[in-house]
């Protein structure tokens, strides 16, 4: 099974390379995420409570969007074999149940440390809703082979 996994080497990446993934966030996603993390904030899981908020309805956990970024980085760019060294994320607009989110990753820098032993990619990470509005923006530093 592992022989089928394609791992790209540092030299194969170019500044400007991009990849994306799209997912429609469901009620089940929110409930499963709450169960896994223990984050049962009523803004996410209680319609009546959230109705009285400034958003007027429940909002999706922010980490569901950042989790989609993780999926892009781990599965597409850089893909299998890559490891997080760090990530920053800013939530710029709320995400609601039923929204379709596209996570986009773009390589903005390649660099090495320890005389080339450690190889890194700095990647711009953004998520957009179905209207094209940016809902998260950030940056990840990834170690590659």
N, C-alpha and C. Protein backbone atom coordinates (compact mmCIF):
# COMPACT_ATOMS: atom_id res chain seq x y z
N UNK A 1 0.82 -1.20 0.00
CA UNK A 1 0.00 0.00 0.00
C UNK A 1 0.86 1.26 0.00
N UNK A 2 1.91 1.34 0.82
CA UNK A 2 2.72 2.55 0.87
C UNK A 2 3.51 2.77 -0.40
N UNK A 3 3.74 1.74 -1.20
CA UNK A 3 4.49 1.93 -2.44
C UNK A 3 3.70 2.74 -3.46
N UNK A 4 2.38 2.87 -3.28
CA UNK A 4 1.54 3.66 -4.18
C UNK A 4 1.54 5.15 -3.84
N UNK A 5 2.09 5.51 -2.69
CA UNK A 5 2.08 6.90 -2.25
C UNK A 5 3.17 7.68 -2.97
N UNK A 6 2.78 8.77 -3.60
CA UNK A 6 3.73 9.62 -4.33
C UNK A 6 4.19 10.76 -3.43
N UNK A 7 5.49 10.80 -3.12
CA UNK A 7 6.06 11.84 -2.28
C UNK A 7 6.94 12.72 -3.15
N UNK A 8 6.61 14.01 -3.21
CA UNK A 8 7.41 14.94 -3.99
C UNK A 8 8.60 15.43 -3.17
N UNK A 9 9.70 15.62 -3.84
CA UNK A 9 10.92 16.13 -3.21
C UNK A 9 10.95 17.65 -3.27
N UNK A 10 11.71 18.24 -2.38
CA UNK A 10 11.86 19.69 -2.26
C UNK A 10 12.16 20.34 -3.61
N UNK A 11 13.05 19.71 -4.37
CA UNK A 11 13.48 20.26 -5.66
C UNK A 11 12.34 20.32 -6.68
N UNK A 12 11.29 19.55 -6.49
CA UNK A 12 10.18 19.52 -7.44
C UNK A 12 9.17 20.66 -7.22
N UNK A 13 9.28 21.36 -6.10
CA UNK A 13 8.34 22.44 -5.81
C UNK A 13 8.85 23.77 -6.35
N UNK A 14 7.93 24.62 -6.77
CA UNK A 14 8.25 25.94 -7.31
C UNK A 14 7.39 26.99 -6.62
N UNK A 15 7.99 28.14 -6.34
CA UNK A 15 7.20 29.26 -5.82
C UNK A 15 6.09 29.54 -6.83
N UNK A 16 4.88 29.67 -6.33
CA UNK A 16 3.72 29.88 -7.19
C UNK A 16 2.87 28.63 -7.38
N UNK A 17 3.43 27.45 -7.07
CA UNK A 17 2.62 26.22 -7.13
C UNK A 17 1.40 26.40 -6.24
N UNK A 18 0.26 25.89 -6.69
CA UNK A 18 -0.98 26.06 -5.93
C UNK A 18 -1.83 24.80 -5.99
N UNK A 19 -2.65 24.61 -4.98
CA UNK A 19 -3.59 23.49 -4.94
C UNK A 19 -4.77 23.92 -4.08
N UNK A 20 -5.90 23.25 -4.28
CA UNK A 20 -7.08 23.58 -3.48
C UNK A 20 -7.95 22.36 -3.26
N UNK A 21 -8.82 22.46 -2.29
CA UNK A 21 -9.83 21.45 -2.00
C UNK A 21 -11.11 22.19 -1.63
N UNK A 22 -12.25 21.59 -1.97
CA UNK A 22 -13.54 22.21 -1.69
C UNK A 22 -14.42 21.23 -0.93
N UNK A 23 -15.16 21.76 0.05
CA UNK A 23 -16.07 20.94 0.85
C UNK A 23 -17.26 21.79 1.27
N UNK A 24 -18.43 21.20 1.22
CA UNK A 24 -19.62 21.82 1.79
C UNK A 24 -19.73 21.36 3.24
N UNK A 25 -19.80 22.31 4.16
CA UNK A 25 -19.84 22.00 5.59
C UNK A 25 -21.27 21.61 5.98
N UNK A 26 -21.40 20.45 6.61
CA UNK A 26 -22.71 19.92 6.98
C UNK A 26 -22.94 19.99 8.49
N UNK A 27 -24.19 19.80 8.86
CA UNK A 27 -24.56 19.67 10.27
C UNK A 27 -23.73 18.56 10.93
N UNK A 28 -23.59 17.44 10.23
CA UNK A 28 -22.82 16.31 10.78
C UNK A 28 -21.37 16.71 11.04
N UNK A 29 -20.77 17.50 10.15
CA UNK A 29 -19.39 17.96 10.36
C UNK A 29 -19.27 18.72 11.67
N UNK A 30 -20.21 19.62 11.93
CA UNK A 30 -20.17 20.45 13.14
C UNK A 30 -20.34 19.58 14.39
N UNK A 31 -21.29 18.66 14.37
CA UNK A 31 -21.54 17.81 15.54
C UNK A 31 -20.36 16.86 15.77
N UNK A 32 -19.83 16.28 14.70
CA UNK A 32 -18.67 15.39 14.85
C UNK A 32 -17.46 16.14 15.38
N UNK A 33 -17.23 17.35 14.87
CA UNK A 33 -16.11 18.16 15.34
C UNK A 33 -16.28 18.49 16.82
N UNK A 34 -17.48 18.87 17.21
CA UNK A 34 -17.75 19.17 18.63
C UNK A 34 -17.47 17.94 19.49
N UNK A 35 -17.89 16.78 19.02
CA UNK A 35 -17.67 15.55 19.77
C UNK A 35 -16.20 15.19 19.89
N UNK A 36 -15.45 15.36 18.81
CA UNK A 36 -14.02 15.03 18.82
C UNK A 36 -13.25 15.98 19.72
N UNK A 37 -13.58 17.27 19.67
CA UNK A 37 -12.78 18.27 20.38
C UNK A 37 -13.33 18.63 21.76
N UNK A 38 -14.61 18.36 21.98
CA UNK A 38 -15.24 18.79 23.23
C UNK A 38 -15.70 20.24 23.19
N UNK A 39 -15.63 20.88 22.02
CA UNK A 39 -16.05 22.28 21.88
C UNK A 39 -17.53 22.33 21.53
N UNK A 40 -18.36 22.38 22.57
CA UNK A 40 -19.80 22.45 22.39
C UNK A 40 -20.32 23.87 22.63
N UNK A 41 -19.51 24.87 22.27
CA UNK A 41 -19.93 26.26 22.38
C UNK A 41 -21.30 26.39 21.71
N UNK A 42 -22.29 26.96 22.41
CA UNK A 42 -23.63 27.04 21.82
C UNK A 42 -23.69 27.86 20.53
N UNK A 43 -22.68 28.69 20.26
CA UNK A 43 -22.65 29.41 18.97
C UNK A 43 -22.56 28.43 17.80
N UNK A 44 -22.05 27.22 18.09
CA UNK A 44 -21.88 26.21 17.04
C UNK A 44 -23.00 25.17 17.05
N UNK A 45 -23.52 24.84 18.24
CA UNK A 45 -24.40 23.67 18.33
C UNK A 45 -25.82 23.95 18.80
N UNK A 46 -26.14 25.20 19.16
CA UNK A 46 -27.46 25.50 19.69
C UNK A 46 -28.11 26.61 18.86
N UNK A 47 -29.05 26.21 18.02
CA UNK A 47 -29.69 27.16 17.10
C UNK A 47 -30.40 28.30 17.84
N UNK A 48 -31.10 27.96 18.90
CA UNK A 48 -31.84 28.99 19.65
C UNK A 48 -30.89 30.02 20.26
N UNK A 49 -29.80 29.55 20.85
CA UNK A 49 -28.81 30.45 21.43
C UNK A 49 -28.20 31.34 20.35
N UNK A 50 -27.78 30.72 19.25
CA UNK A 50 -27.09 31.45 18.17
C UNK A 50 -28.02 32.43 17.46
N UNK A 51 -29.31 32.15 17.44
CA UNK A 51 -30.27 33.04 16.78
C UNK A 51 -30.23 34.45 17.39
N UNK A 52 -29.90 34.52 18.66
CA UNK A 52 -29.84 35.82 19.36
C UNK A 52 -28.47 36.48 19.26
N UNK A 53 -27.55 35.88 18.52
CA UNK A 53 -26.21 36.45 18.35
C UNK A 53 -26.21 37.45 17.20
N UNK A 54 -25.11 38.13 17.03
CA UNK A 54 -24.99 39.09 15.92
C UNK A 54 -25.05 38.42 14.55
N UNK A 55 -24.82 37.08 14.51
CA UNK A 55 -24.85 36.35 13.24
C UNK A 55 -26.25 35.85 12.90
N UNK A 56 -27.12 35.73 13.91
CA UNK A 56 -28.49 35.31 13.69
C UNK A 56 -28.69 33.82 13.51
N UNK A 57 -27.60 33.08 13.50
CA UNK A 57 -27.67 31.62 13.38
C UNK A 57 -26.32 31.04 13.79
N UNK A 58 -26.28 29.72 13.84
CA UNK A 58 -25.04 29.05 14.26
C UNK A 58 -23.92 29.29 13.25
N UNK A 59 -22.71 29.39 13.78
CA UNK A 59 -21.53 29.48 12.93
C UNK A 59 -20.73 28.19 13.09
N UNK A 60 -20.00 27.86 12.05
CA UNK A 60 -19.15 26.67 12.04
C UNK A 60 -17.89 26.95 12.85
N UNK A 61 -17.39 25.93 13.56
CA UNK A 61 -16.11 26.06 14.26
C UNK A 61 -15.04 26.54 13.27
N UNK A 62 -14.26 27.53 13.65
CA UNK A 62 -13.20 28.02 12.78
C UNK A 62 -12.20 26.95 12.39
N UNK A 63 -11.97 26.02 13.30
CA UNK A 63 -10.97 24.98 13.01
C UNK A 63 -11.43 23.98 11.96
N UNK A 64 -12.69 24.00 11.59
CA UNK A 64 -13.12 23.17 10.46
C UNK A 64 -12.51 23.74 9.18
N UNK A 65 -12.50 25.06 9.04
CA UNK A 65 -11.84 25.67 7.87
C UNK A 65 -10.34 25.41 7.90
N UNK A 66 -9.72 25.59 9.06
CA UNK A 66 -8.27 25.34 9.12
C UNK A 66 -7.97 23.85 8.94
N UNK A 67 -8.91 22.99 9.30
CA UNK A 67 -8.75 21.56 9.03
C UNK A 67 -8.75 21.26 7.55
N UNK A 68 -9.54 22.01 6.79
CA UNK A 68 -9.54 21.83 5.34
C UNK A 68 -8.20 22.27 4.75
N UNK A 69 -7.61 23.30 5.34
CA UNK A 69 -6.25 23.71 4.94
C UNK A 69 -5.28 22.56 5.19
N UNK A 70 -5.39 21.94 6.35
CA UNK A 70 -4.53 20.79 6.67
C UNK A 70 -4.68 19.69 5.62
N UNK A 71 -5.91 19.46 5.17
CA UNK A 71 -6.14 18.43 4.15
C UNK A 71 -5.44 18.77 2.84
N UNK A 72 -5.51 20.04 2.42
CA UNK A 72 -4.81 20.45 1.19
C UNK A 72 -3.31 20.22 1.34
N UNK A 73 -2.76 20.66 2.48
CA UNK A 73 -1.32 20.54 2.69
C UNK A 73 -0.88 19.08 2.80
N UNK A 74 -1.65 18.27 3.47
CA UNK A 74 -1.26 16.88 3.68
C UNK A 74 -1.51 15.97 2.49
N UNK A 75 -2.47 16.34 1.65
CA UNK A 75 -2.85 15.45 0.55
C UNK A 75 -2.48 15.95 -0.84
N UNK A 76 -2.33 17.27 -1.01
CA UNK A 76 -2.09 17.81 -2.35
C UNK A 76 -0.81 18.61 -2.48
N UNK A 77 -0.64 19.64 -1.66
CA UNK A 77 0.52 20.53 -1.79
C UNK A 77 1.00 20.94 -0.41
N UNK A 78 2.12 20.43 0.03
CA UNK A 78 3.07 19.58 -0.65
C UNK A 78 2.63 18.13 -0.81
N UNK A 79 1.71 17.66 0.06
CA UNK A 79 1.20 16.31 -0.07
C UNK A 79 1.82 15.34 0.92
N UNK A 80 1.65 14.03 0.65
CA UNK A 80 2.13 13.00 1.57
C UNK A 80 3.61 13.17 1.92
N UNK A 81 3.90 12.95 3.20
CA UNK A 81 5.28 13.06 3.69
C UNK A 81 5.61 14.41 4.27
N UNK A 82 4.78 15.41 4.02
CA UNK A 82 5.02 16.77 4.53
C UNK A 82 4.60 16.85 5.99
N UNK A 83 5.28 17.70 6.75
CA UNK A 83 4.98 17.88 8.17
C UNK A 83 4.85 19.36 8.49
N UNK A 84 3.86 19.69 9.31
CA UNK A 84 3.70 21.07 9.79
C UNK A 84 4.87 21.47 10.66
N UNK A 85 5.41 22.66 10.43
CA UNK A 85 6.34 23.28 11.37
C UNK A 85 5.62 24.42 12.09
N UNK A 86 4.58 24.96 11.47
CA UNK A 86 3.80 26.03 12.09
C UNK A 86 2.72 26.52 11.16
N UNK A 87 1.72 27.17 11.76
CA UNK A 87 0.65 27.75 10.95
C UNK A 87 0.04 28.92 11.71
N UNK A 88 -0.27 29.97 10.96
CA UNK A 88 -1.05 31.08 11.52
C UNK A 88 -2.33 31.16 10.70
N UNK A 89 -3.40 31.53 11.36
CA UNK A 89 -4.68 31.67 10.65
C UNK A 89 -5.48 32.80 11.29
N UNK A 90 -6.11 33.58 10.44
CA UNK A 90 -6.99 34.66 10.89
C UNK A 90 -8.36 34.38 10.28
N UNK A 91 -9.39 34.38 11.12
CA UNK A 91 -10.75 34.14 10.66
C UNK A 91 -11.36 35.49 10.30
N UNK A 92 -11.64 35.70 9.01
CA UNK A 92 -12.06 37.01 8.52
C UNK A 92 -13.56 37.17 8.33
N UNK A 93 -14.27 36.06 8.15
CA UNK A 93 -15.73 36.08 8.02
C UNK A 93 -16.26 34.77 8.60
N UNK A 94 -17.50 34.77 9.09
CA UNK A 94 -18.05 33.53 9.62
C UNK A 94 -18.38 32.54 8.50
N UNK A 95 -18.33 31.26 8.87
CA UNK A 95 -18.75 30.18 7.98
C UNK A 95 -20.01 29.58 8.61
N UNK A 96 -21.00 29.32 7.77
CA UNK A 96 -22.28 28.78 8.24
C UNK A 96 -22.48 27.37 7.71
N UNK A 97 -23.29 26.59 8.41
CA UNK A 97 -23.64 25.25 7.93
C UNK A 97 -24.26 25.40 6.55
N UNK A 98 -23.80 24.58 5.62
CA UNK A 98 -24.27 24.64 4.24
C UNK A 98 -23.35 25.43 3.32
N UNK A 99 -22.43 26.21 3.89
CA UNK A 99 -21.47 26.94 3.06
C UNK A 99 -20.51 25.96 2.40
N UNK A 100 -20.11 26.29 1.19
CA UNK A 100 -19.11 25.51 0.47
C UNK A 100 -17.80 26.28 0.55
N UNK A 101 -16.81 25.64 1.17
CA UNK A 101 -15.53 26.28 1.44
C UNK A 101 -14.45 25.69 0.55
N UNK A 102 -13.67 26.57 -0.07
CA UNK A 102 -12.51 26.16 -0.86
C UNK A 102 -11.26 26.64 -0.13
N UNK A 103 -10.42 25.68 0.23
CA UNK A 103 -9.13 26.00 0.85
C UNK A 103 -8.08 26.01 -0.25
N UNK A 104 -7.29 27.07 -0.30
CA UNK A 104 -6.27 27.24 -1.34
C UNK A 104 -4.91 27.41 -0.69
N UNK A 105 -3.93 26.71 -1.22
CA UNK A 105 -2.55 26.79 -0.73
C UNK A 105 -1.65 27.20 -1.89
N UNK A 106 -0.78 28.19 -1.65
CA UNK A 106 0.15 28.68 -2.67
C UNK A 106 1.53 28.81 -2.07
N UNK A 107 2.52 28.19 -2.69
CA UNK A 107 3.89 28.30 -2.20
C UNK A 107 4.40 29.71 -2.47
N UNK A 108 4.89 30.36 -1.40
CA UNK A 108 5.42 31.72 -1.54
C UNK A 108 6.93 31.78 -1.29
N UNK A 109 7.50 30.73 -0.70
CA UNK A 109 8.94 30.74 -0.45
C UNK A 109 9.43 29.31 -0.20
N UNK A 110 10.65 29.05 -0.66
CA UNK A 110 11.37 27.82 -0.34
C UNK A 110 12.63 28.22 0.41
N UNK A 111 12.96 27.50 1.48
CA UNK A 111 14.20 27.79 2.19
C UNK A 111 14.68 26.56 2.94
N UNK A 112 15.95 26.58 3.30
CA UNK A 112 16.55 25.47 4.04
C UNK A 112 17.19 25.98 5.32
N UNK A 113 17.44 25.05 6.23
CA UNK A 113 18.16 25.33 7.47
C UNK A 113 19.12 24.17 7.72
N UNK A 114 20.04 24.39 8.64
CA UNK A 114 21.03 23.37 9.01
C UNK A 114 21.78 22.87 7.77
N UNK A 115 22.35 23.84 7.03
CA UNK A 115 23.14 23.54 5.83
C UNK A 115 22.38 22.68 4.83
N UNK A 116 21.11 22.95 4.66
CA UNK A 116 20.31 22.24 3.67
C UNK A 116 19.70 20.94 4.15
N UNK A 117 19.99 20.57 5.40
CA UNK A 117 19.43 19.33 5.95
C UNK A 117 17.91 19.40 6.10
N UNK A 118 17.42 20.55 6.57
CA UNK A 118 15.98 20.75 6.72
C UNK A 118 15.48 21.63 5.59
N UNK A 119 14.43 21.15 4.91
CA UNK A 119 13.88 21.84 3.74
C UNK A 119 12.45 22.28 4.05
N UNK A 120 12.18 23.55 3.79
CA UNK A 120 10.90 24.13 4.15
C UNK A 120 10.21 24.80 2.96
N UNK A 121 8.89 24.83 3.04
CA UNK A 121 8.07 25.63 2.14
C UNK A 121 7.23 26.57 3.01
N UNK A 122 7.18 27.83 2.64
CA UNK A 122 6.25 28.77 3.27
C UNK A 122 5.08 28.90 2.31
N UNK A 123 3.89 28.64 2.82
CA UNK A 123 2.70 28.53 1.98
C UNK A 123 1.61 29.48 2.47
N UNK A 124 1.10 30.30 1.55
CA UNK A 124 -0.06 31.15 1.84
C UNK A 124 -1.28 30.24 1.86
N UNK A 125 -2.09 30.34 2.91
CA UNK A 125 -3.26 29.47 3.05
C UNK A 125 -4.50 30.34 3.24
N UNK A 126 -5.44 30.22 2.34
CA UNK A 126 -6.68 31.01 2.41
C UNK A 126 -7.87 30.10 2.16
N UNK A 127 -9.00 30.45 2.76
CA UNK A 127 -10.26 29.76 2.50
C UNK A 127 -11.28 30.78 2.01
N UNK A 128 -12.10 30.34 1.07
CA UNK A 128 -13.13 31.19 0.46
C UNK A 128 -14.48 30.48 0.53
N UNK A 129 -15.55 31.24 0.71
CA UNK A 129 -16.88 30.64 0.68
C UNK A 129 -17.39 30.61 -0.76
N UNK A 130 -18.61 30.13 -0.94
CA UNK A 130 -19.19 29.96 -2.28
C UNK A 130 -19.39 31.28 -3.00
N UNK A 131 -19.40 32.39 -2.28
CA UNK A 131 -19.52 33.72 -2.90
C UNK A 131 -18.16 34.31 -3.25
N UNK A 132 -17.09 33.55 -2.98
CA UNK A 132 -15.74 34.04 -3.26
C UNK A 132 -15.18 34.94 -2.17
N UNK A 133 -15.89 35.06 -1.05
CA UNK A 133 -15.42 35.88 0.06
C UNK A 133 -14.37 35.12 0.86
N UNK A 134 -13.29 35.80 1.22
CA UNK A 134 -12.24 35.18 2.02
C UNK A 134 -12.75 35.02 3.45
N UNK A 135 -12.74 33.77 3.95
CA UNK A 135 -13.21 33.51 5.32
C UNK A 135 -12.05 33.23 6.27
N UNK A 136 -10.91 32.83 5.74
CA UNK A 136 -9.68 32.72 6.55
C UNK A 136 -8.51 33.15 5.69
N UNK A 137 -7.47 33.63 6.36
CA UNK A 137 -6.21 33.90 5.68
C UNK A 137 -5.10 33.51 6.64
N UNK A 138 -4.01 33.05 6.08
CA UNK A 138 -2.92 32.65 6.94
C UNK A 138 -1.72 32.16 6.16
N UNK A 139 -0.87 31.50 6.91
CA UNK A 139 0.39 31.04 6.34
C UNK A 139 0.82 29.79 7.10
N UNK A 140 1.39 28.85 6.38
CA UNK A 140 1.92 27.63 6.99
C UNK A 140 3.38 27.47 6.61
N UNK A 141 4.14 26.93 7.53
CA UNK A 141 5.51 26.54 7.25
C UNK A 141 5.55 25.02 7.32
N UNK A 142 6.02 24.41 6.24
CA UNK A 142 5.96 22.97 6.09
C UNK A 142 7.36 22.41 5.85
N UNK A 143 7.67 21.31 6.51
CA UNK A 143 8.93 20.58 6.27
C UNK A 143 8.65 19.53 5.20
N UNK A 144 9.52 19.49 4.18
CA UNK A 144 9.37 18.50 3.11
C UNK A 144 10.65 17.68 2.98
N UNK A 145 10.55 16.59 2.24
CA UNK A 145 11.70 15.70 2.05
C UNK A 145 12.64 16.22 0.98
